[in-house]
Amino acid sequence: MKTSYQRMLTAAAMVLLASSTPLLASETDERIESSFKGSYAFKTFLQDDAVKVASKEGVVTLSGTVNEESERGLAQETAANLPGVKSVDNRLELKAGYPLEKSNEWLAIDIKTALLFHRNVSMPDTQVYVEEGIVTLRGEAANEAQKELTAEYADIDGVREVKNEMTVAETPKTTDQTAQEKIDDASITAQVKMALLTHRATRALKIKVETKDGVVTLNGKTTNAAEKDLATKLVSDIHGVNSVVNNMTQG
């Protein structure tokens, strides 16, 4: 009798566990979808596009259209770094009329997007012109440091040369970093990966990026110390990054 009772309890527990599993999966999927739509990356770069997200048992499907190629990558990386996500099926398509890859217009769009990732440059005050891979920057920088950073961040893959014709404000201004917006780790990781992937000097490096509470950790290999220093510099200026731990080794 005791053995039969134990068997009944075991069977009941198994039924309860089986019935609760779909509920837990559903709650996880709802949380993933909500987190993606509430992320900084979505609200800042993707909200105006026709981007749809659906999660089933941790497998995320992205569908719809985006304005720029870089936005496809940003959406992919943001979703992939959300807790509970197992894989991402990226079905996002570019809207009709998107310029050909590496064309002047294509490069100008990607440069503007790259500048948006960084907090110490001002995209609204920067004009970007591209002719045969040669980039000309115009506009007004708040100070000399901002002018130099804008040129450095504009040196993305496909750019042959950057001509910096920006002027510096007569009364140098400092960028206000006292009240930074709290940005989710998934969006920080996505921005960091896209910034490293698009920059001409770091795109070929295989860098593993992890973010926890705004602290970004980089792992991988570099060919020289200059590449490692540049990676740290690029990442430190990304929106939401509090600090960078660069564990990359040379070799």
C-alpha atoms as a PDB file:
ATOM      1  CA  MET A   1       0.000   0.000   0.000  1.00  0.00           C
ATOM      2  CA  LYS A   2       2.811   2.369   0.879  1.00  0.00           C
ATOM      3  CA  THR A   3       4.549   1.629  -2.430  1.00  0.00           C
ATOM      4  CA  SER A   4       1.336   2.320  -4.370  1.00  0.00           C
ATOM      5  CA  TYR A   5       0.885   5.622  -2.543  1.00  0.00           C
ATOM      6  CA  GLN A   6       4.446   6.661  -3.367  1.00  0.00           C
ATOM      7  CA  ARG A   7       3.863   5.798  -7.009  1.00  0.00           C
ATOM      8  CA  MET A   8       0.701   7.912  -7.041  1.00  0.00           C
ATOM      9  CA  LEU A   9       2.612  10.865  -5.580  1.00  0.00           C
ATOM     10  CA  THR A  10       5.390  10.464  -8.117  1.00  0.00           C
ATOM     11  CA  ALA A  11       2.915  10.291 -11.001  1.00  0.00           C
ATOM     12  CA  ALA A  12       1.080  13.358  -9.710  1.00  0.00           C
ATOM     13  CA  ALA A  13       4.353  15.290  -9.404  1.00  0.00           C
ATOM     14  CA  MET A  14       5.331  14.364 -12.959  1.00  0.00           C
ATOM     15  CA  VAL A  15       1.965  15.526 -14.311  1.00  0.00           C
ATOM     16  CA  LEU A  16       2.269  18.794 -12.379  1.00  0.00           C
ATOM     17  CA  LEU A  17       5.804  19.349 -13.648  1.00  0.00           C
ATOM     18  CA  ALA A  18       4.798  18.611 -17.246  1.00  0.00           C
ATOM     19  CA  SER A  19       1.858  20.987 -17.072  1.00  0.00           C
ATOM     20  CA  SER A  20       3.927  23.786 -15.540  1.00  0.00           C
ATOM     21  CA  THR A  21       6.781  23.619 -18.076  1.00  0.00           C
ATOM     22  CA  PRO A  22       4.849  25.266 -20.961  1.00  0.00           C
ATOM     23  CA  LEU A  23       3.743  28.011 -18.569  1.00  0.00           C
ATOM     24  CA  LEU A  24       7.303  28.721 -17.499  1.00  0.00           C
ATOM     25  CA  ALA A  25       8.441  28.748 -21.132  1.00  0.00           C
ATOM     26  CA  SER A  26       5.619  31.116 -22.033  1.00  0.00           C
ATOM     27  CA  GLU A  27       6.562  33.478 -19.209  1.00  0.00           C
ATOM     28  CA  THR A  28      10.200  33.452 -20.363  1.00  0.00           C
ATOM     29  CA  ASP A  29       9.192  34.180 -23.962  1.00  0.00           C
ATOM     30  CA  GLU A  30       6.971  37.059 -22.869  1.00  0.00           C
ATOM     31  CA  ARG A  31       9.832  38.472 -20.792  1.00  0.00           C
ATOM     32  CA  ILE A  32      12.231  38.201 -23.755  1.00  0.00           C
ATOM     33  CA  GLU A  33       9.842  40.001 -26.096  1.00  0.00           C
ATOM     34  CA  SER A  34       9.138  42.692 -23.513  1.00  0.00           C
ATOM     35  CA  SER A  35      12.849  43.165 -22.764  1.00  0.00           C
ATOM     36  CA  PHE A  36      13.677  43.560 -26.441  1.00  0.00           C
ATOM     37  CA  LYS A  37      10.965  46.190 -26.966  1.00  0.00           C
ATOM     38  CA  GLY A  38      12.049  47.990 -23.801  1.00  0.00           C
ATOM     39  CA  SER A  39      15.752  47.952 -24.612  1.00  0.00           C
ATOM     40  CA  TYR A  40      17.732  51.116 -25.282  1.00  0.00           C
ATOM     41  CA  ALA A  41      18.773  49.791 -28.691  1.00  0.00           C
ATOM     42  CA  PHE A  42      15.176  49.233 -29.782  1.00  0.00           C
ATOM     43  CA  LYS A  43      13.841  52.525 -28.450  1.00  0.00           C
ATOM     44  CA  THR A  44      16.758  54.566 -29.811  1.00  0.00           C
ATOM     45  CA  PHE A  45      17.533  52.953 -33.163  1.00  0.00           C
ATOM     46  CA  LEU A  46      14.708  50.584 -34.131  1.00  0.00           C
ATOM     47  CA  GLN A  47      11.409  51.864 -32.753  1.00  0.00           C
ATOM     48  CA  ASP A  48      10.531  53.851 -35.876  1.00  0.00           C
ATOM     49  CA  ASP A  49      11.142  50.807 -38.096  1.00  0.00           C
ATOM     50  CA  ALA A  50       8.731  47.953 -38.761  1.00  0.00           C
ATOM     51  CA  VAL A  51      10.538  45.495 -36.477  1.00  0.00           C
ATOM     52  CA  LYS A  52       8.622  42.576 -34.995  1.00  0.00           C
ATOM     53  CA  VAL A  53       9.931  40.185 -32.360  1.00  0.00           C
ATOM     54  CA  ALA A  54       8.558  36.792 -31.377  1.00  0.00           C
ATOM     55  CA  SER A  55      10.059  34.272 -28.961  1.00  0.00           C
ATOM     56  CA  LYS A  56       9.187  30.575 -28.704  1.00  0.00           C
ATOM     57  CA  GLU A  57      10.995  28.534 -26.073  1.00  0.00           C
ATOM     58  CA  GLY A  58      13.891  30.995 -26.181  1.00  0.00           C
ATOM     59  CA  VAL A  59      14.248  30.999 -29.966  1.00  0.00           C
ATOM     60  CA  VAL A  60      13.760  34.594 -31.114  1.00  0.00           C
ATOM     61  CA  THR A  61      12.513  35.475 -34.583  1.00  0.00           C
ATOM     62  CA  LEU A  62      13.035  39.009 -35.854  1.00  0.00           C
ATOM     63  CA  SER A  63      10.950  40.046 -38.838  1.00  0.00           C
ATOM     64  CA  GLY A  64       9.911  43.196 -40.686  1.00  0.00           C
ATOM     65  CA  THR A  65      12.035  45.917 -42.230  1.00  0.00           C
ATOM     66  CA  VAL A  66      14.770  48.334 -41.153  1.00  0.00           C
ATOM     67  CA  ASN A  67      16.206  51.466 -42.725  1.00  0.00           C
ATOM     68  CA  GLU A  68      19.891  50.513 -42.501  1.00  0.00           C
ATOM     69  CA  GLU A  69      22.080  47.412 -42.711  1.00  0.00           C
ATOM     70  CA  SER A  70      23.690  48.251 -39.360  1.00  0.00           C
ATOM     71  CA  GLU A  71      20.255  48.131 -37.716  1.00  0.00           C
ATOM     72  CA  ARG A  72      19.895  44.460 -38.700  1.00  0.00           C
ATOM     73  CA  GLY A  73      23.096  43.677 -36.839  1.00  0.00           C
ATOM     74  CA  LEU A  74      22.135  45.811 -33.854  1.00  0.00           C
ATOM     75  CA  ALA A  75      18.765  44.064 -33.539  1.00  0.00           C
ATOM     76  CA  GLN A  76      20.447  40.661 -33.836  1.00  0.00           C
ATOM     77  CA  GLU A  77      23.032  41.395 -31.151  1.00  0.00           C
ATOM     78  CA  THR A  78      20.525  42.987 -28.766  1.00  0.00           C
ATOM     79  CA  ALA A  79      18.199  39.993 -28.937  1.00  0.00           C
ATOM     80  CA  ALA A  80      21.034  37.466 -28.687  1.00  0.00           C
ATOM     81  CA  ASN A  81      22.295  39.000 -25.441  1.00  0.00           C
ATOM     82  CA  LEU A  82      18.965  38.999 -23.601  1.00  0.00           C
ATOM     83  CA  PRO A  83      18.653  36.512 -20.690  1.00  0.00           C
ATOM     84  CA  GLY A  84      16.912  33.309 -21.734  1.00  0.00           C
ATOM     85  CA  VAL A  85      17.580  33.625 -25.463  1.00  0.00           C
ATOM     86  CA  LYS A  86      18.922  30.423 -27.050  1.00  0.00           C
ATOM     87  CA  SER A  87      19.198  31.563 -30.661  1.00  0.00           C
ATOM     88  CA  VAL A  88      18.066  34.313 -33.039  1.00  0.00           C
ATOM     89  CA  ASP A  89      16.502  33.865 -36.477  1.00  0.00           C
ATOM     90  CA  ASN A  90      17.063  37.242 -38.121  1.00  0.00           C
ATOM     91  CA  ARG A  91      14.602  37.712 -40.974  1.00  0.00           C
ATOM     92  CA  LEU A  92      14.798  41.499 -41.025  1.00  0.00           C
ATOM     93  CA  GLU A  93      14.958  42.985 -44.503  1.00  0.00           C
ATOM     94  CA  LEU A  94      16.149  46.347 -45.725  1.00  0.00           C
ATOM     95  CA  LYS A  95      13.541  48.774 -46.946  1.00  0.00           C
ATOM     96  CA  ALA A  96      13.382  49.269 -50.696  1.00  0.00           C
ATOM     97  CA  GLY A  97      15.811  51.797 -52.112  1.00  0.00           C
ATOM     98  CA  TYR A  98      18.675  51.134 -49.696  1.00  0.00           C
ATOM     99  CA  PRO A  99      21.987  52.147 -51.337  1.00  0.00           C
ATOM    100  CA  LEU A 100      24.464  49.587 -52.619  1.00  0.00           C
ATOM    101  CA  GLU A 101      27.063  48.294 -50.156  1.00  0.00           C
ATOM    102  CA  LYS A 102      30.230  50.414 -49.972  1.00  0.00           C
ATOM    103  CA  SER A 103      28.661  53.136 -52.126  1.00  0.00           C
ATOM    104  CA  ASN A 104      29.124  56.773 -51.059  1.00  0.00           C
ATOM    105  CA  GLU A 105      25.618  56.980 -49.615  1.00  0.00           C
ATOM    106  CA  TRP A 106      25.991  53.600 -47.876  1.00  0.00           C
ATOM    107  CA  LEU A 107      29.219  54.714 -46.179  1.00  0.00           C
ATOM    108  CA  ALA A 108      27.707  58.031 -45.092  1.00  0.00           C
ATOM    109  CA  ILE A 109      24.769  56.240 -43.459  1.00  0.00           C
ATOM    110  CA  ASP A 110      27.026  53.778 -41.642  1.00  0.00           C
ATOM    111  CA  ILE A 111      29.327  56.557 -40.418  1.00  0.00           C
ATOM    112  CA  LYS A 112      26.393  58.489 -38.999  1.00  0.00           C
ATOM    113  CA  THR A 113      25.166  55.362 -37.231  1.00  0.00           C
ATOM    114  CA  ALA A 114      28.637  54.666 -35.821  1.00  0.00           C
ATOM    115  CA  LEU A 115      28.800  58.197 -34.430  1.00  0.00           C
ATOM    116  CA  LEU A 116      25.446  57.735 -32.707  1.00  0.00           C
ATOM    117  CA  PHE A 117      26.867  54.927 -30.549  1.00  0.00           C
ATOM    118  CA  HIS A 118      29.359  57.299 -28.893  1.00  0.00           C
ATOM    119  CA  ARG A 119      28.475  59.814 -26.215  1.00  0.00           C
ATOM    120  CA  ASN A 120      31.400  62.221 -26.679  1.00  0.00           C
ATOM    121  CA  VAL A 121      30.544  63.180 -30.245  1.00  0.00           C
ATOM    122  CA  SER A 122      27.553  65.131 -31.519  1.00  0.00           C
ATOM    123  CA  MET A 123      25.904  63.623 -34.577  1.00  0.00           C
ATOM    124  CA  PRO A 124      23.401  66.501 -34.965  1.00  0.00           C
ATOM    125  CA  ASP A 125      26.299  68.963 -35.249  1.00  0.00           C
ATOM    126  CA  THR A 126      28.246  66.844 -37.735  1.00  0.00           C
ATOM    127  CA  GLN A 127      27.818  66.740 -41.505  1.00  0.00           C
ATOM    128  CA  VAL A 128      29.212  63.723 -43.329  1.00  0.00           C
ATOM    129  CA  TYR A 129      30.116  63.789 -47.026  1.00  0.00           C
ATOM    130  CA  VAL A 130      31.594  60.824 -48.922  1.00  0.00           C
ATOM    131  CA  GLU A 131      33.156  60.775 -52.382  1.00  0.00           C
ATOM    132  CA  GLU A 132      34.931  57.646 -53.648  1.00  0.00           C
ATOM    133  CA  GLY A 133      35.592  56.455 -50.119  1.00  0.00           C
ATOM    134  CA  ILE A 134      37.022  59.781 -48.974  1.00  0.00           C
ATOM    135  CA  VAL A 135      35.056  61.188 -46.039  1.00  0.00           C
ATOM    136  CA  THR A 136      34.799  64.900 -45.309  1.00  0.00           C
ATOM    137  CA  LEU A 137      33.492  65.979 -41.923  1.00  0.00           C
ATOM    138  CA  ARG A 138      32.039  69.440 -41.424  1.00  0.00           C
ATOM    139  CA  GLY A 139      30.136  71.150 -38.671  1.00  0.00           C
ATOM    140  CA  GLU A 140      31.000  72.449 -35.221  1.00  0.00           C
ATOM    141  CA  ALA A 141      32.658  70.453 -32.468  1.00  0.00           C
ATOM    142  CA  ALA A 142      32.279  71.434 -28.837  1.00  0.00           C
ATOM    143  CA  ASN A 143      36.044  71.215 -28.331  1.00  0.00           C
ATOM    144  CA  GLU A 144      39.231  69.925 -29.959  1.00  0.00           C
ATOM    145  CA  ALA A 145      38.888  66.506 -28.308  1.00  0.00           C
ATOM    146  CA  GLN A 146      35.417  66.038 -29.766  1.00  0.00           C
ATOM    147  CA  LYS A 147      36.681  67.007 -33.214  1.00  0.00           C
ATOM    148  CA  GLU A 148      39.443  64.401 -33.043  1.00  0.00           C
ATOM    149  CA  LEU A 149      37.120  61.681 -31.743  1.00  0.00           C
ATOM    150  CA  THR A 150      34.597  62.316 -34.519  1.00  0.00           C
ATOM    151  CA  ALA A 151      37.278  61.715 -37.144  1.00  0.00           C
ATOM    152  CA  GLU A 152      38.505  58.588 -35.366  1.00  0.00           C
ATOM    153  CA  TYR A 153      35.036  57.048 -35.090  1.00  0.00           C
ATOM    154  CA  ALA A 154      34.263  57.885 -38.743  1.00  0.00           C
ATOM    155  CA  ASP A 155      37.138  55.664 -39.916  1.00  0.00           C
ATOM    156  CA  ILE A 156      34.929  52.647 -40.588  1.00  0.00           C
ATOM    157  CA  ASP A 157      35.481  49.771 -42.984  1.00  0.00           C
ATOM    158  CA  GLY A 158      35.412  50.978 -46.584  1.00  0.00           C
ATOM    159  CA  VAL A 159      36.730  54.468 -45.803  1.00  0.00           C
ATOM    160  CA  ARG A 160      39.951  55.390 -47.614  1.00  0.00           C
ATOM    161  CA  GLU A 161      40.604  58.697 -45.879  1.00  0.00           C
ATOM    162  CA  VAL A 162      38.963  61.087 -43.415  1.00  0.00           C
ATOM    163  CA  LYS A 163      39.265  64.829 -43.961  1.00  0.00           C
ATOM    164  CA  ASN A 164      38.285  66.646 -40.816  1.00  0.00           C
ATOM    165  CA  GLU A 165      37.077  70.154 -41.691  1.00  0.00           C
ATOM    166  CA  MET A 166      35.035  70.603 -38.529  1.00  0.00           C
ATOM    167  CA  THR A 167      35.442  73.864 -36.671  1.00  0.00           C
ATOM    168  CA  VAL A 168      35.757  74.181 -32.916  1.00  0.00           C
ATOM    169  CA  ALA A 169      33.374  76.408 -30.977  1.00  0.00           C
ATOM    170  CA  GLU A 170      34.919  79.765 -30.124  1.00  0.00           C
ATOM    171  CA  THR A 171      34.030  79.131 -26.514  1.00  0.00           C
ATOM    172  CA  PRO A 172      34.945  75.477 -25.934  1.00  0.00           C
ATOM    173  CA  LYS A 173      32.143  73.487 -24.320  1.00  0.00           C
ATOM    174  CA  THR A 174      32.421  70.352 -22.220  1.00  0.00           C
ATOM    175  CA  THR A 175      30.087  67.426 -22.729  1.00  0.00           C
ATOM    176  CA  ASP A 176      27.892  66.777 -19.700  1.00  0.00           C
ATOM    177  CA  GLN A 177      28.492  63.277 -18.360  1.00  0.00           C
ATOM    178  CA  THR A 178      27.055  63.836 -14.886  1.00  0.00           C
ATOM    179  CA  ALA A 179      23.658  62.225 -15.491  1.00  0.00           C
ATOM    180  CA  GLN A 180      23.959  59.266 -17.813  1.00  0.00           C
ATOM    181  CA  GLU A 181      20.909  57.253 -18.745  1.00  0.00           C
ATOM    182  CA  LYS A 182      20.749  53.750 -17.292  1.00  0.00           C
ATOM    183  CA  ILE A 183      21.108  51.458 -20.287  1.00  0.00           C
ATOM    184  CA  ASP A 184      20.456  47.721 -20.317  1.00  0.00           C
ATOM    185  CA  ASP A 185      23.442  45.397 -20.701  1.00  0.00           C
ATOM    186  CA  ALA A 186      22.105  43.754 -23.875  1.00  0.00           C
ATOM    187  CA  SER A 187      21.986  47.119 -25.657  1.00  0.00           C
ATOM    188  CA  ILE A 188      25.464  48.033 -24.427  1.00  0.00           C
ATOM    189  CA  THR A 189      26.885  44.739 -25.696  1.00  0.00           C
ATOM    190  CA  ALA A 190      25.138  45.194 -29.052  1.00  0.00           C
ATOM    191  CA  GLN A 191      26.498  48.730 -29.490  1.00  0.00           C
ATOM    192  CA  VAL A 192      30.002  47.635 -28.495  1.00  0.00           C
ATOM    193  CA  LYS A 193      30.005  44.738 -30.947  1.00  0.00           C
ATOM    194  CA  MET A 194      28.734  46.914 -33.791  1.00  0.00           C
ATOM    195  CA  ALA A 195      31.291  49.651 -33.042  1.00  0.00           C
ATOM    196  CA  LEU A 196      34.169  47.154 -33.035  1.00  0.00           C
ATOM    197  CA  LEU A 197      32.850  45.391 -36.131  1.00  0.00           C
ATOM    198  CA  THR A 198      32.479  48.531 -38.231  1.00  0.00           C
ATOM    199  CA  HIS A 199      35.735  50.295 -37.316  1.00  0.00           C
ATOM    200  CA  ARG A 200      38.443  49.649 -39.877  1.00  0.00           C
ATOM    201  CA  ALA A 201      41.167  48.882 -37.309  1.00  0.00           C
ATOM    202  CA  THR A 202      39.171  46.436 -35.153  1.00  0.00           C
ATOM    203  CA  ARG A 203      36.709  44.740 -37.515  1.00  0.00           C
ATOM    204  CA  ALA A 204      38.978  41.762 -38.214  1.00  0.00           C
ATOM    205  CA  LEU A 205      39.624  41.035 -34.537  1.00  0.00           C
ATOM    206  CA  LYS A 206      37.709  38.225 -32.869  1.00  0.00           C
ATOM    207  CA  ILE A 207      36.588  39.886 -29.670  1.00  0.00           C
ATOM    208  CA  LYS A 208      34.276  38.364 -27.088  1.00  0.00           C
ATOM    209  CA  VAL A 209      32.156  41.009 -25.381  1.00  0.00           C
ATOM    210  CA  GLU A 210      30.388  40.603 -22.055  1.00  0.00           C
ATOM    211  CA  THR A 211      28.557  43.296 -20.083  1.00  0.00           C
ATOM    212  CA  LYS A 212      27.352  43.287 -16.503  1.00  0.00           C
ATOM    213  CA  ASP A 213      25.891  46.402 -14.883  1.00  0.00           C
ATOM    214  CA  GLY A 214      27.570  48.602 -17.482  1.00  0.00           C
ATOM    215  CA  VAL A 215      31.025  47.062 -17.007  1.00  0.00           C
ATOM    216  CA  VAL A 216      32.255  45.685 -20.342  1.00  0.00           C
ATOM    217  CA  THR A 217      34.797  42.868 -20.452  1.00  0.00           C
ATOM    218  CA  LEU A 218      36.728  42.197 -23.656  1.00  0.00           C
ATOM    219  CA  ASN A 219      38.467  38.906 -24.393  1.00  0.00           C
ATOM    220  CA  GLY A 220      40.333  37.810 -27.500  1.00  0.00           C
ATOM    221  CA  LYS A 221      43.594  38.459 -29.296  1.00  0.00           C
ATOM    222  CA  THR A 222      45.179  41.523 -30.856  1.00  0.00           C
ATOM    223  CA  THR A 223      48.208  41.805 -33.124  1.00  0.00           C
ATOM    224  CA  ASN A 224      49.686  44.755 -31.237  1.00  0.00           C
ATOM    225  CA  ALA A 225      49.229  47.035 -28.237  1.00  0.00           C
ATOM    226  CA  ALA A 226      47.807  49.850 -30.385  1.00  0.00           C
ATOM    227  CA  GLU A 227      44.813  47.704 -31.384  1.00  0.00           C
ATOM    228  CA  LYS A 228      44.129  46.836 -27.757  1.00  0.00           C
ATOM    229  CA  ASP A 229      44.303  50.494 -26.719  1.00  0.00           C
ATOM    230  CA  LEU A 230      41.993  51.485 -29.578  1.00  0.00           C
ATOM    231  CA  ALA A 231      39.455  48.821 -28.608  1.00  0.00           C
ATOM    232  CA  THR A 232      39.401  50.174 -25.059  1.00  0.00           C
ATOM    233  CA  LYS A 233      39.026  53.727 -26.332  1.00  0.00           C
ATOM    234  CA  LEU A 234      36.171  52.864 -28.686  1.00  0.00           C
ATOM    235  CA  VAL A 235      34.287  50.874 -26.071  1.00  0.00           C
ATOM    236  CA  SER A 236      34.770  53.355 -23.215  1.00  0.00           C
ATOM    237  CA  ASP A 237      32.837  55.998 -25.136  1.00  0.00           C
ATOM    238  CA  ILE A 238      29.788  53.857 -25.938  1.00  0.00           C
ATOM    239  CA  HIS A 239      26.483  54.954 -24.413  1.00  0.00           C
ATOM    240  CA  GLY A 240      25.897  53.185 -21.101  1.00  0.00           C
ATOM    241  CA  VAL A 241      29.446  51.901 -20.524  1.00  0.00           C
ATOM    242  CA  ASN A 242      30.690  52.573 -17.011  1.00  0.00           C
ATOM    243  CA  SER A 243      34.105  50.961 -17.363  1.00  0.00           C
ATOM    244  CA  VAL A 244      36.078  48.548 -19.554  1.00  0.00           C
ATOM    245  CA  VAL A 245      38.077  45.492 -18.514  1.00  0.00           C
ATOM    246  CA  ASN A 246      40.292  44.638 -21.465  1.00  0.00           C
ATOM    247  CA  ASN A 247      41.667  41.110 -21.108  1.00  0.00           C
ATOM    248  CA  MET A 248      42.738  40.835 -24.733  1.00  0.00           C
ATOM    249  CA  THR A 249      46.162  39.290 -25.262  1.00  0.00           C
ATOM    250  CA  GLN A 250      48.686  39.943 -27.979  1.00  0.00           C
ATOM    251  CA  GLY A 251      49.492  37.120 -30.316  1.00  0.00           C
END
